[in-house]
């Protein structure tokens, strides 16, 4: 999965939550999915940040 895809999926989940489109069971599973996506995005950003710092240090 790409970062942009994860963000888009998160945006969709948030929109559905804000529009009260989820029943209780769906809400629970969507919140779990959102947690996974947030972790993925955070990890990807951290990795990218580290890579950029290494590149800048080498220049």
Protein backbone atom coordinates (compact mmCIF):
# COMPACT_ATOMS: atom_id res chain seq x y z
CA UNK A 1 0.00 0.00 0.00
CA UNK A 2 1.17 3.51 -0.76
CA UNK A 3 1.03 6.37 1.71
CA UNK A 4 -1.46 8.28 -0.45
CA UNK A 5 -3.79 5.28 -0.56
CA UNK A 6 -3.71 4.97 3.23
CA UNK A 7 -4.48 8.68 3.69
CA UNK A 8 -7.35 8.44 1.22
CA UNK A 9 -8.80 5.45 3.04
CA UNK A 10 -8.48 7.30 6.36
CA UNK A 11 -10.27 10.31 4.88
CA UNK A 12 -13.08 8.04 3.72
CA UNK A 13 -13.43 6.51 7.19
CA UNK A 14 -13.51 9.94 8.82
CA UNK A 15 -16.13 11.15 6.36
CA UNK A 16 -18.33 8.13 7.04
CA UNK A 17 -17.98 8.68 10.79
CA UNK A 18 -18.83 12.38 10.49
CA UNK A 19 -21.89 11.59 8.36
CA UNK A 20 -23.13 8.92 10.79
CA UNK A 21 -23.08 6.33 8.02
CA UNK A 22 -21.85 3.49 10.23
CA UNK A 23 -23.72 1.24 12.59
CA UNK A 24 -22.02 0.15 15.82
CA UNK A 25 -20.42 -2.98 14.36
CA UNK A 26 -19.14 -1.13 11.31
CA UNK A 27 -17.84 1.69 13.48
CA UNK A 28 -15.81 -0.70 15.58
CA UNK A 29 -14.18 -2.36 12.58
CA UNK A 30 -13.59 0.96 10.80
CA UNK A 31 -11.92 2.42 13.90
CA UNK A 32 -9.64 -0.61 14.08
CA UNK A 33 -8.79 -0.16 10.42
CA UNK A 34 -8.15 3.54 11.00
CA UNK A 35 -5.70 2.66 13.78
CA UNK A 36 -3.82 0.36 11.41
CA UNK A 37 -3.71 3.03 8.73
CA UNK A 38 -2.51 5.70 11.16
CA UNK A 39 0.30 3.42 12.32
CA UNK A 40 1.24 2.67 8.71
CA UNK A 41 1.33 6.37 7.82
CA UNK A 42 3.29 7.29 10.93
CA UNK A 43 5.85 4.55 10.26
CA UNK A 44 6.17 5.59 6.63
CA UNK A 45 6.67 9.25 7.58
CA UNK A 46 9.26 8.34 10.20
CA UNK A 47 11.17 6.20 7.70
CA UNK A 48 11.05 8.95 5.08
CA UNK A 49 12.25 11.51 7.61
CA UNK A 50 15.21 9.30 8.54
CA UNK A 51 16.10 8.76 4.89
CA UNK A 52 15.98 12.50 4.19
CA UNK A 53 18.20 13.25 7.19
CA UNK A 54 20.75 10.69 5.99
CA UNK A 55 20.76 12.21 2.50
CA UNK A 56 21.25 15.70 3.90
CA UNK A 57 24.04 14.56 6.21
CA UNK A 58 25.93 13.00 3.29
CA UNK A 59 25.82 16.21 1.25
